[in-house]
Amino acid sequence: MNTLSTTKKLTISGLCLAMYIVIMMMTQGFAFGQYQVRIATALYGLAALFPFAVLAFGIGNLVSNLLMGGLGPIDAIGGCLVGLMTAGGIAYGKKRGLGNWIVIPFITLVPSLVVPLWLAPILNLPYLLLVTSLLVGQGISAVVSFFIVNGLERYAGTMLGVVQSKKETVKTAEAAAGDEEAILDVNEASRL
């Protein structure tokens, strides 16, 4: 895996932050409703490819909730923490060798179970009611995120120098290891 320069990391983080806020502004009509379908939270999945952008997602959530949420600093700070936990969990899971599927449970469950902890008292609604309504919206965002991450990993990742394609991995391994057994091991590993 190639590494990115600090400038590229800052640029990608800035783009992630900006995209989060812009998408929230464009979708605020249904992002703050009963079934909070926050398409912007689908971007949390990008932490699987760009773990250095975790902080950008937390800040993006903080700014979005301050500008558009209307529930005050508790919601903004809580949203920031949820963004950090969700994106951080995705980055950690991917680092530990879990596949891109890890974005689905993290994006679905973390916001759905944590956000109602402060929304329930603020809105004077039952915790479980809020959990069920958030599960619907976050589930949609999680599936969208899965497809975004897979698409970027396959196509754009090689252009950014972040992810090596499977064919390049096999070619490199074949050149480095002359015997058939090592090539079979590499081919098996590339299918995972």
N, C-alpha and C. Protein backbone atom coordinates (compact mmCIF):
# COMPACT_ATOMS: atom_id res chain seq x y z
N MET A 1 0.85 -1.17 0.00
CA MET A 1 0.00 0.00 0.00
C MET A 1 0.90 1.24 0.00
N ASN A 2 0.64 2.12 -0.91
CA ASN A 2 1.40 3.36 -0.97
C ASN A 2 0.88 4.32 0.09
N THR A 3 1.76 5.20 0.54
CA THR A 3 1.33 6.18 1.53
C THR A 3 1.08 7.52 0.86
N LEU A 4 0.25 8.31 1.48
CA LEU A 4 -0.08 9.63 0.97
C LEU A 4 0.74 10.68 1.71
N SER A 5 1.06 11.73 1.03
CA SER A 5 1.77 12.84 1.67
C SER A 5 0.82 13.57 2.61
N THR A 6 1.38 14.35 3.50
CA THR A 6 0.57 15.13 4.44
C THR A 6 -0.36 16.08 3.70
N THR A 7 0.12 16.65 2.62
CA THR A 7 -0.71 17.57 1.83
C THR A 7 -1.92 16.85 1.25
N LYS A 8 -1.72 15.64 0.73
CA LYS A 8 -2.84 14.88 0.18
C LYS A 8 -3.82 14.49 1.27
N LYS A 9 -3.30 14.11 2.44
CA LYS A 9 -4.18 13.74 3.56
C LYS A 9 -5.02 14.93 4.00
N LEU A 10 -4.40 16.11 4.11
CA LEU A 10 -5.16 17.31 4.48
C LEU A 10 -6.18 17.67 3.43
N THR A 11 -5.82 17.51 2.18
CA THR A 11 -6.75 17.82 1.08
C THR A 11 -7.95 16.88 1.11
N ILE A 12 -7.69 15.59 1.25
CA ILE A 12 -8.79 14.61 1.29
C ILE A 12 -9.66 14.86 2.52
N SER A 13 -9.04 15.14 3.66
CA SER A 13 -9.82 15.43 4.87
C SER A 13 -10.69 16.67 4.69
N GLY A 14 -10.12 17.71 4.08
CA GLY A 14 -10.88 18.93 3.81
C GLY A 14 -12.05 18.68 2.87
N LEU A 15 -11.82 17.85 1.86
CA LEU A 15 -12.89 17.50 0.92
C LEU A 15 -13.99 16.71 1.63
N CYS A 16 -13.60 15.79 2.50
CA CYS A 16 -14.60 15.00 3.25
C CYS A 16 -15.44 15.91 4.14
N LEU A 17 -14.80 16.85 4.81
CA LEU A 17 -15.50 17.80 5.67
C LEU A 17 -16.46 18.65 4.86
N ALA A 18 -15.98 19.18 3.75
CA ALA A 18 -16.81 20.03 2.90
C ALA A 18 -17.98 19.25 2.30
N MET A 19 -17.71 18.03 1.82
CA MET A 19 -18.79 17.23 1.24
C MET A 19 -19.86 16.92 2.28
N TYR A 20 -19.44 16.62 3.50
CA TYR A 20 -20.41 16.31 4.56
C TYR A 20 -21.34 17.50 4.77
N ILE A 21 -20.77 18.69 4.92
CA ILE A 21 -21.59 19.88 5.18
C ILE A 21 -22.48 20.22 3.99
N VAL A 22 -21.94 20.15 2.79
CA VAL A 22 -22.73 20.47 1.59
C VAL A 22 -23.88 19.48 1.41
N ILE A 23 -23.60 18.20 1.59
CA ILE A 23 -24.67 17.20 1.45
C ILE A 23 -25.73 17.40 2.52
N MET A 24 -25.31 17.74 3.73
CA MET A 24 -26.29 18.02 4.80
C MET A 24 -27.16 19.22 4.42
N MET A 25 -26.55 20.26 3.87
CA MET A 25 -27.32 21.44 3.48
C MET A 25 -28.32 21.10 2.38
N MET A 26 -27.91 20.26 1.43
CA MET A 26 -28.78 19.91 0.32
C MET A 26 -29.90 18.96 0.73
N THR A 27 -29.69 18.20 1.79
CA THR A 27 -30.67 17.18 2.19
C THR A 27 -31.32 17.47 3.54
N GLN A 28 -31.18 18.68 4.03
CA GLN A 28 -31.69 18.98 5.37
C GLN A 28 -33.20 18.83 5.48
N GLY A 29 -33.90 18.86 4.38
CA GLY A 29 -35.35 18.70 4.42
C GLY A 29 -35.78 17.34 4.98
N PHE A 30 -35.00 16.31 4.72
CA PHE A 30 -35.33 14.99 5.27
C PHE A 30 -34.24 14.45 6.19
N ALA A 31 -33.16 15.18 6.36
CA ALA A 31 -32.08 14.73 7.25
C ALA A 31 -32.41 14.96 8.72
N PHE A 32 -33.34 15.85 9.01
CA PHE A 32 -33.68 16.16 10.39
C PHE A 32 -35.12 15.78 10.72
N GLY A 33 -35.75 14.98 9.87
CA GLY A 33 -37.14 14.61 10.10
C GLY A 33 -37.30 13.42 11.03
N GLN A 34 -38.49 12.86 11.03
CA GLN A 34 -38.77 11.72 11.90
C GLN A 34 -37.86 10.54 11.57
N TYR A 35 -37.64 10.28 10.29
CA TYR A 35 -36.76 9.20 9.87
C TYR A 35 -35.45 9.74 9.35
N GLN A 36 -34.77 10.52 10.05
CA GLN A 36 -33.51 11.17 9.69
C GLN A 36 -32.68 10.38 8.69
N VAL A 37 -33.00 10.52 7.42
CA VAL A 37 -32.21 9.89 6.38
C VAL A 37 -31.07 10.85 6.06
N ARG A 38 -29.98 10.65 6.76
CA ARG A 38 -28.81 11.52 6.59
C ARG A 38 -27.86 10.87 5.59
N ILE A 39 -28.05 11.20 4.34
CA ILE A 39 -27.18 10.65 3.29
C ILE A 39 -25.72 11.05 3.56
N ALA A 40 -25.51 12.17 4.21
CA ALA A 40 -24.14 12.61 4.52
C ALA A 40 -23.42 11.61 5.41
N THR A 41 -24.15 10.89 6.26
CA THR A 41 -23.47 9.92 7.12
C THR A 41 -22.94 8.74 6.32
N ALA A 42 -23.38 8.58 5.09
CA ALA A 42 -22.81 7.56 4.22
C ALA A 42 -21.32 7.83 3.99
N LEU A 43 -20.93 9.09 4.10
CA LEU A 43 -19.53 9.43 3.91
C LEU A 43 -18.63 8.89 5.02
N TYR A 44 -19.20 8.56 6.18
CA TYR A 44 -18.39 7.98 7.26
C TYR A 44 -17.63 6.75 6.78
N GLY A 45 -18.21 6.03 5.84
CA GLY A 45 -17.57 4.84 5.32
C GLY A 45 -16.22 5.11 4.67
N LEU A 46 -16.02 6.35 4.22
CA LEU A 46 -14.73 6.70 3.61
C LEU A 46 -13.57 6.55 4.59
N ALA A 47 -13.88 6.50 5.88
CA ALA A 47 -12.84 6.28 6.89
C ALA A 47 -12.18 4.92 6.72
N ALA A 48 -12.86 3.98 6.06
CA ALA A 48 -12.26 2.68 5.77
C ALA A 48 -11.09 2.83 4.81
N LEU A 49 -11.19 3.79 3.90
CA LEU A 49 -10.13 4.02 2.92
C LEU A 49 -9.17 5.12 3.37
N PHE A 50 -9.71 6.10 4.09
CA PHE A 50 -8.93 7.26 4.53
C PHE A 50 -9.07 7.43 6.04
N PRO A 51 -8.41 6.60 6.84
CA PRO A 51 -8.60 6.66 8.29
C PRO A 51 -8.19 8.00 8.91
N PHE A 52 -7.34 8.72 8.23
CA PHE A 52 -6.91 10.03 8.72
C PHE A 52 -8.03 11.07 8.65
N ALA A 53 -9.13 10.76 7.98
CA ALA A 53 -10.25 11.71 7.82
C ALA A 53 -11.30 11.58 8.93
N VAL A 54 -11.05 10.74 9.93
CA VAL A 54 -12.03 10.53 11.00
C VAL A 54 -12.39 11.86 11.67
N LEU A 55 -11.40 12.66 11.99
CA LEU A 55 -11.65 13.95 12.64
C LEU A 55 -12.51 14.86 11.76
N ALA A 56 -12.29 14.82 10.46
CA ALA A 56 -13.08 15.65 9.55
C ALA A 56 -14.57 15.31 9.62
N PHE A 57 -14.90 14.04 9.80
CA PHE A 57 -16.30 13.65 9.88
C PHE A 57 -16.93 14.11 11.19
N GLY A 58 -16.17 14.06 12.27
CA GLY A 58 -16.68 14.57 13.53
C GLY A 58 -16.94 16.06 13.47
N ILE A 59 -16.00 16.80 12.88
CA ILE A 59 -16.16 18.25 12.75
C ILE A 59 -17.31 18.57 11.80
N GLY A 60 -17.44 17.81 10.72
CA GLY A 60 -18.54 18.01 9.78
C GLY A 60 -19.89 17.86 10.45
N ASN A 61 -20.02 16.86 11.30
CA ASN A 61 -21.27 16.65 12.02
C ASN A 61 -21.52 17.80 13.00
N LEU A 62 -20.48 18.24 13.69
CA LEU A 62 -20.59 19.35 14.63
C LEU A 62 -21.09 20.61 13.94
N VAL A 63 -20.46 20.97 12.84
CA VAL A 63 -20.83 22.18 12.10
C VAL A 63 -22.25 22.06 11.54
N SER A 64 -22.59 20.90 10.98
CA SER A 64 -23.93 20.70 10.42
C SER A 64 -25.00 20.85 11.49
N ASN A 65 -24.78 20.24 12.65
CA ASN A 65 -25.78 20.34 13.71
C ASN A 65 -25.88 21.74 14.27
N LEU A 66 -24.77 22.47 14.30
CA LEU A 66 -24.82 23.86 14.76
C LEU A 66 -25.58 24.75 13.78
N LEU A 67 -25.31 24.57 12.48
CA LEU A 67 -25.92 25.42 11.46
C LEU A 67 -27.36 25.05 11.15
N MET A 68 -27.67 23.76 11.15
CA MET A 68 -28.97 23.32 10.66
C MET A 68 -29.82 22.55 11.65
N GLY A 69 -29.23 22.03 12.70
CA GLY A 69 -29.94 21.14 13.61
C GLY A 69 -30.99 21.82 14.46
N GLY A 70 -30.66 22.96 15.03
CA GLY A 70 -31.62 23.69 15.83
C GLY A 70 -31.84 23.16 17.23
N LEU A 71 -31.06 22.17 17.67
CA LEU A 71 -31.25 21.61 19.00
C LEU A 71 -30.13 22.01 19.97
N GLY A 72 -29.29 22.93 19.56
CA GLY A 72 -28.31 23.49 20.46
C GLY A 72 -26.99 22.75 20.55
N PRO A 73 -26.16 23.21 21.47
CA PRO A 73 -24.80 22.68 21.58
C PRO A 73 -24.73 21.22 22.03
N ILE A 74 -25.70 20.76 22.81
CA ILE A 74 -25.67 19.35 23.24
C ILE A 74 -25.77 18.44 22.02
N ASP A 75 -26.67 18.76 21.11
CA ASP A 75 -26.83 17.97 19.89
C ASP A 75 -25.60 18.09 19.00
N ALA A 76 -25.02 19.28 18.93
CA ALA A 76 -23.84 19.48 18.08
C ALA A 76 -22.64 18.70 18.62
N ILE A 77 -22.39 18.79 19.91
CA ILE A 77 -21.25 18.08 20.50
C ILE A 77 -21.50 16.58 20.46
N GLY A 78 -22.73 16.17 20.78
CA GLY A 78 -23.06 14.75 20.70
C GLY A 78 -22.90 14.21 19.29
N GLY A 79 -23.34 14.98 18.30
CA GLY A 79 -23.18 14.58 16.91
C GLY A 79 -21.72 14.44 16.52
N CYS A 80 -20.89 15.35 17.02
CA CYS A 80 -19.45 15.28 16.77
C CYS A 80 -18.88 13.98 17.33
N LEU A 81 -19.26 13.65 18.56
CA LEU A 81 -18.77 12.43 19.19
C LEU A 81 -19.25 11.18 18.45
N VAL A 82 -20.51 11.21 18.00
CA VAL A 82 -21.04 10.07 17.24
C VAL A 82 -20.29 9.93 15.91
N GLY A 83 -20.01 11.06 15.26
CA GLY A 83 -19.24 11.01 14.02
C GLY A 83 -17.86 10.42 14.23
N LEU A 84 -17.21 10.83 15.33
CA LEU A 84 -15.87 10.30 15.65
C LEU A 84 -15.94 8.80 15.97
N MET A 85 -16.94 8.40 16.75
CA MET A 85 -17.08 6.98 17.10
C MET A 85 -17.37 6.12 15.87
N THR A 86 -18.28 6.60 15.04
CA THR A 86 -18.68 5.82 13.86
C THR A 86 -17.53 5.70 12.86
N ALA A 87 -16.97 6.83 12.47
CA ALA A 87 -15.87 6.81 11.50
C ALA A 87 -14.64 6.13 12.08
N GLY A 88 -14.37 6.38 13.36
CA GLY A 88 -13.23 5.74 14.01
C GLY A 88 -13.39 4.24 14.10
N GLY A 89 -14.60 3.77 14.40
CA GLY A 89 -14.85 2.33 14.44
C GLY A 89 -14.69 1.68 13.08
N ILE A 90 -15.12 2.39 12.05
CA ILE A 90 -14.97 1.87 10.68
C ILE A 90 -13.49 1.78 10.32
N ALA A 91 -12.74 2.83 10.62
CA ALA A 91 -11.31 2.84 10.32
C ALA A 91 -10.59 1.72 11.07
N TYR A 92 -10.94 1.55 12.34
CA TYR A 92 -10.31 0.51 13.15
C TYR A 92 -10.67 -0.88 12.62
N GLY A 93 -11.94 -1.09 12.30
CA GLY A 93 -12.37 -2.38 11.77
C GLY A 93 -11.66 -2.73 10.47
N LYS A 94 -11.53 -1.76 9.60
CA LYS A 94 -10.84 -2.00 8.32
C LYS A 94 -9.36 -2.29 8.55
N LYS A 95 -8.76 -1.59 9.51
CA LYS A 95 -7.35 -1.81 9.83
C LYS A 95 -7.13 -3.21 10.38
N ARG A 96 -8.12 -3.74 11.09
CA ARG A 96 -8.03 -5.08 11.68
C ARG A 96 -8.34 -6.18 10.65
N GLY A 97 -8.56 -5.80 9.40
CA GLY A 97 -8.74 -6.78 8.34
C GLY A 97 -10.19 -7.10 7.99
N LEU A 98 -11.12 -6.39 8.59
CA LEU A 98 -12.52 -6.62 8.24
C LEU A 98 -12.79 -5.98 6.88
N GLY A 99 -13.70 -6.51 6.15
CA GLY A 99 -14.01 -5.99 4.81
C GLY A 99 -14.81 -4.71 4.87
N ASN A 100 -15.18 -4.24 3.71
CA ASN A 100 -15.96 -3.01 3.61
C ASN A 100 -17.36 -3.15 4.20
N TRP A 101 -17.81 -4.37 4.41
CA TRP A 101 -19.12 -4.60 5.01
C TRP A 101 -19.20 -3.96 6.39
N ILE A 102 -18.06 -3.69 7.02
CA ILE A 102 -18.05 -3.14 8.38
C ILE A 102 -18.75 -1.78 8.44
N VAL A 103 -18.84 -1.09 7.32
CA VAL A 103 -19.51 0.22 7.33
C VAL A 103 -21.00 0.08 7.65
N ILE A 104 -21.60 -1.02 7.28
CA ILE A 104 -23.06 -1.18 7.47
C ILE A 104 -23.44 -1.22 8.96
N PRO A 105 -22.85 -2.11 9.77
CA PRO A 105 -23.26 -2.09 11.18
C PRO A 105 -22.86 -0.82 11.91
N PHE A 106 -21.70 -0.26 11.60
CA PHE A 106 -21.29 0.95 12.32
C PHE A 106 -22.18 2.13 11.99
N ILE A 107 -22.46 2.36 10.71
CA ILE A 107 -23.28 3.51 10.34
C ILE A 107 -24.74 3.31 10.77
N THR A 108 -25.19 2.07 10.78
CA THR A 108 -26.57 1.82 11.20
C THR A 108 -26.73 1.91 12.71
N LEU A 109 -25.86 1.25 13.44
CA LEU A 109 -26.08 1.07 14.87
C LEU A 109 -25.56 2.20 15.76
N VAL A 110 -24.36 2.70 15.50
CA VAL A 110 -23.80 3.70 16.42
C VAL A 110 -24.69 4.95 16.51
N PRO A 111 -25.01 5.62 15.40
CA PRO A 111 -25.90 6.79 15.53
C PRO A 111 -27.29 6.42 16.05
N SER A 112 -27.81 5.27 15.62
CA SER A 112 -29.17 4.90 16.01
C SER A 112 -29.30 4.62 17.50
N LEU A 113 -28.26 4.10 18.12
CA LEU A 113 -28.32 3.77 19.54
C LEU A 113 -27.81 4.89 20.44
N VAL A 114 -26.92 5.73 19.92
CA VAL A 114 -26.30 6.77 20.77
C VAL A 114 -27.05 8.10 20.70
N VAL A 115 -27.42 8.54 19.51
CA VAL A 115 -28.09 9.85 19.36
C VAL A 115 -29.35 9.97 20.21
N PRO A 116 -30.19 8.93 20.31
CA PRO A 116 -31.39 9.06 21.15
C PRO A 116 -31.11 9.26 22.64
N LEU A 117 -29.88 9.02 23.07
CA LEU A 117 -29.55 9.23 24.48
C LEU A 117 -29.78 10.69 24.89
N TRP A 118 -29.50 11.63 23.99
CA TRP A 118 -29.77 13.04 24.32
C TRP A 118 -31.01 13.58 23.60
N LEU A 119 -31.37 12.97 22.47
CA LEU A 119 -32.57 13.45 21.78
C LEU A 119 -33.84 13.12 22.55
N ALA A 120 -33.88 11.96 23.21
CA ALA A 120 -35.09 11.56 23.95
C ALA A 120 -35.46 12.59 25.01
N PRO A 121 -34.53 13.04 25.87
CA PRO A 121 -34.91 14.06 26.85
C PRO A 121 -35.19 15.43 26.21
N ILE A 122 -34.42 15.78 25.17
CA ILE A 122 -34.63 17.09 24.54
C ILE A 122 -36.00 17.16 23.88
N LEU A 123 -36.39 16.11 23.18
CA LEU A 123 -37.65 16.10 22.44
C LEU A 123 -38.81 15.53 23.26
N ASN A 124 -38.49 15.02 24.44
CA ASN A 124 -39.48 14.42 25.32
C ASN A 124 -40.22 13.25 24.62
N LEU A 125 -39.41 12.39 24.00
CA LEU A 125 -39.93 11.21 23.31
C LEU A 125 -39.25 9.96 23.88
N PRO A 126 -39.89 8.81 23.79
CA PRO A 126 -39.28 7.58 24.29
C PRO A 126 -38.02 7.19 23.49
N TYR A 127 -37.03 6.70 24.22
CA TYR A 127 -35.75 6.29 23.62
C TYR A 127 -35.97 5.27 22.49
N LEU A 128 -36.75 4.23 22.74
CA LEU A 128 -36.94 3.17 21.74
C LEU A 128 -37.64 3.67 20.48
N LEU A 129 -38.52 4.62 20.63
CA LEU A 129 -39.19 5.21 19.46
C LEU A 129 -38.15 5.90 18.57
N LEU A 130 -37.26 6.65 19.19
CA LEU A 130 -36.22 7.33 18.42
C LEU A 130 -35.25 6.34 17.80
N VAL A 131 -34.91 5.29 18.53
CA VAL A 131 -34.00 4.28 17.98
C VAL A 131 -34.59 3.66 16.73
N THR A 132 -35.85 3.27 16.78
CA THR A 132 -36.47 2.62 15.62
C THR A 132 -36.54 3.56 14.41
N SER A 133 -36.84 4.82 14.65
CA SER A 133 -36.92 5.74 13.51
C SER A 133 -35.52 6.03 12.95
N LEU A 134 -34.51 6.10 13.82
CA LEU A 134 -33.14 6.33 13.33
C LEU A 134 -32.59 5.11 12.60
N LEU A 135 -32.97 3.92 13.04
CA LEU A 135 -32.50 2.70 12.37
C LEU A 135 -32.89 2.69 10.90
N VAL A 136 -34.08 3.16 10.59
CA VAL A 136 -34.55 3.19 9.20
C VAL A 136 -33.65 4.10 8.36
N GLY A 137 -33.49 5.34 8.80
CA GLY A 137 -32.69 6.30 8.04
C GLY A 137 -31.22 5.93 7.96
N GLN A 138 -30.67 5.47 9.08
CA GLN A 138 -29.24 5.11 9.09
C GLN A 138 -28.99 3.85 8.28
N GLY A 139 -29.96 2.94 8.25
CA GLY A 139 -29.80 1.74 7.43
C GLY A 139 -29.66 2.08 5.96
N ILE A 140 -30.45 3.04 5.51
CA ILE A 140 -30.35 3.50 4.11
C ILE A 140 -28.97 4.09 3.85
N SER A 141 -28.52 4.96 4.74
CA SER A 141 -27.20 5.58 4.59
C SER A 141 -26.09 4.55 4.62
N ALA A 142 -26.25 3.52 5.44
CA ALA A 142 -25.21 2.48 5.56
C ALA A 142 -25.05 1.70 4.25
N VAL A 143 -26.17 1.36 3.62
CA VAL A 143 -26.10 0.62 2.36
C VAL A 143 -25.48 1.51 1.28
N VAL A 144 -25.87 2.77 1.22
CA VAL A 144 -25.28 3.71 0.26
C VAL A 144 -23.76 3.79 0.50
N SER A 145 -23.37 3.87 1.75
CA SER A 145 -21.95 3.96 2.09
C SER A 145 -21.17 2.74 1.62
N PHE A 146 -21.75 1.57 1.79
CA PHE A 146 -21.10 0.33 1.36
C PHE A 146 -20.77 0.38 -0.13
N PHE A 147 -21.72 0.85 -0.94
CA PHE A 147 -21.49 0.93 -2.38
C PHE A 147 -20.47 2.02 -2.73
N ILE A 148 -20.51 3.13 -2.01
CA ILE A 148 -19.53 4.20 -2.25
C ILE A 148 -18.12 3.70 -1.96
N VAL A 149 -17.94 3.07 -0.82
CA VAL A 149 -16.61 2.59 -0.42
C VAL A 149 -16.10 1.53 -1.38
N ASN A 150 -16.95 0.59 -1.75
CA ASN A 150 -16.52 -0.44 -2.70
C ASN A 150 -16.13 0.16 -4.04
N GLY A 151 -16.93 1.09 -4.53
CA GLY A 151 -16.63 1.72 -5.81
C GLY A 151 -15.32 2.50 -5.77
N LEU A 152 -15.13 3.28 -4.72
CA LEU A 152 -13.89 4.04 -4.61
C LEU A 152 -12.68 3.14 -4.45
N GLU A 153 -12.83 2.10 -3.67
CA GLU A 153 -11.70 1.20 -3.45
C GLU A 153 -11.29 0.52 -4.75
N ARG A 154 -12.25 0.16 -5.56
CA ARG A 154 -11.94 -0.54 -6.81
C ARG A 154 -11.37 0.37 -7.89
N TYR A 155 -11.93 1.57 -8.01
CA TYR A 155 -11.59 2.39 -9.17
C TYR A 155 -10.72 3.60 -8.83
N ALA A 156 -11.12 4.38 -7.88
CA ALA A 156 -10.39 5.61 -7.60
C ALA A 156 -9.19 5.38 -6.70
N GLY A 157 -9.20 4.34 -5.90
CA GLY A 157 -8.12 4.07 -4.96
C GLY A 157 -6.78 3.92 -5.64
N THR A 158 -6.75 3.26 -6.77
CA THR A 158 -5.48 3.08 -7.46
C THR A 158 -4.97 4.39 -8.04
N MET A 159 -5.88 5.28 -8.44
CA MET A 159 -5.45 6.58 -8.97
C MET A 159 -4.85 7.45 -7.87
N LEU A 160 -5.39 7.33 -6.66
CA LEU A 160 -4.87 8.11 -5.54
C LEU A 160 -3.61 7.50 -4.95
N GLY A 161 -3.28 6.27 -5.34
CA GLY A 161 -2.11 5.62 -4.79
C GLY A 161 -2.37 5.06 -3.40
N VAL A 162 -3.64 4.86 -3.08
CA VAL A 162 -3.98 4.39 -1.74
C VAL A 162 -4.13 2.88 -1.73
N VAL A 163 -4.78 2.33 -2.74
CA VAL A 163 -5.09 0.91 -2.77
C VAL A 163 -4.47 0.31 -4.02
N GLN A 164 -3.83 -0.82 -3.85
CA GLN A 164 -3.27 -1.51 -4.99
C GLN A 164 -4.32 -2.46 -5.53
N SER A 165 -4.47 -2.51 -6.84
CA SER A 165 -5.47 -3.41 -7.40
C SER A 165 -5.05 -4.86 -7.19
N LYS A 166 -6.01 -5.78 -7.27
CA LYS A 166 -5.71 -7.20 -7.07
C LYS A 166 -4.73 -7.71 -8.11
N LYS A 167 -4.89 -7.26 -9.37
CA LYS A 167 -3.99 -7.72 -10.42
C LYS A 167 -2.56 -7.27 -10.14
N GLU A 168 -2.37 -6.03 -9.68
CA GLU A 168 -1.03 -5.55 -9.36
C GLU A 168 -0.44 -6.33 -8.20
N THR A 169 -1.26 -6.67 -7.22
CA THR A 169 -0.79 -7.44 -6.08
C THR A 169 -0.30 -8.80 -6.53
N VAL A 170 -1.05 -9.46 -7.39
CA VAL A 170 -0.67 -10.78 -7.87
C VAL A 170 0.59 -10.69 -8.72
N LYS A 171 0.67 -9.71 -9.64
CA LYS A 171 1.86 -9.55 -10.48
C LYS A 171 3.10 -9.31 -9.64
N THR A 172 2.98 -8.45 -8.63
CA THR A 172 4.12 -8.15 -7.76
C THR A 172 4.55 -9.40 -7.01
N ALA A 173 3.60 -10.14 -6.51
CA ALA A 173 3.91 -11.36 -5.76
C ALA A 173 4.54 -12.42 -6.67
N GLU A 174 4.04 -12.54 -7.90
CA GLU A 174 4.60 -13.51 -8.83
C GLU A 174 6.04 -13.17 -9.18
N ALA A 175 6.32 -11.89 -9.34
CA ALA A 175 7.68 -11.47 -9.65
C ALA A 175 8.61 -11.71 -8.46
N ALA A 176 8.12 -11.49 -7.27
CA ALA A 176 8.95 -11.63 -6.07
C ALA A 176 9.14 -13.09 -5.68
N ALA A 177 8.13 -13.91 -5.85
CA ALA A 177 8.21 -15.31 -5.44
C ALA A 177 8.19 -16.19 -6.67
N GLY A 178 9.24 -16.96 -6.88
CA GLY A 178 9.34 -17.77 -8.08
C GLY A 178 8.60 -19.08 -8.01
N ASP A 179 8.33 -19.58 -6.82
CA ASP A 179 7.72 -20.91 -6.76
C ASP A 179 6.20 -20.84 -6.82
N GLU A 180 5.60 -21.95 -7.28
CA GLU A 180 4.16 -22.03 -7.49
C GLU A 180 3.35 -21.91 -6.20
N GLU A 181 3.89 -22.45 -5.11
CA GLU A 181 3.16 -22.44 -3.86
C GLU A 181 2.91 -21.02 -3.35
N ALA A 182 3.90 -20.16 -3.45
CA ALA A 182 3.73 -18.77 -3.01
C ALA A 182 2.72 -18.05 -3.89
N ILE A 183 2.73 -18.35 -5.19
CA ILE A 183 1.77 -17.72 -6.10
C ILE A 183 0.36 -18.15 -5.76
N LEU A 184 0.15 -19.41 -5.45
CA LEU A 184 -1.17 -19.88 -5.04
C LEU A 184 -1.63 -19.19 -3.77
N ASP A 185 -0.73 -19.03 -2.80
CA ASP A 185 -1.08 -18.34 -1.56
C ASP A 185 -1.50 -16.90 -1.81
N VAL A 186 -0.77 -16.21 -2.69
CA VAL A 186 -1.09 -14.83 -3.00
C VAL A 186 -2.42 -14.74 -3.73
N ASN A 187 -2.66 -15.66 -4.68
CA ASN A 187 -3.93 -15.67 -5.40
C ASN A 187 -5.09 -15.91 -4.44
N GLU A 188 -4.93 -16.82 -3.50
CA GLU A 188 -5.97 -17.08 -2.51
C GLU A 188 -6.22 -15.85 -1.66
N ALA A 189 -5.15 -15.17 -1.25
CA ALA A 189 -5.28 -13.97 -0.42
C ALA A 189 -5.96 -12.84 -1.17
N SER A 190 -5.71 -12.75 -2.47
CA SER A 190 -6.31 -11.64 -3.24
C SER A 190 -7.81 -11.82 -3.43
N ARG A 191 -8.32 -13.03 -3.26
CA ARG A 191 -9.75 -13.27 -3.39
C ARG A 191 -10.52 -12.83 -2.15
N LEU A 192 -9.84 -12.62 -1.04
CA LEU A 192 -10.53 -12.24 0.21
C LEU A 192 -11.02 -10.84 0.20
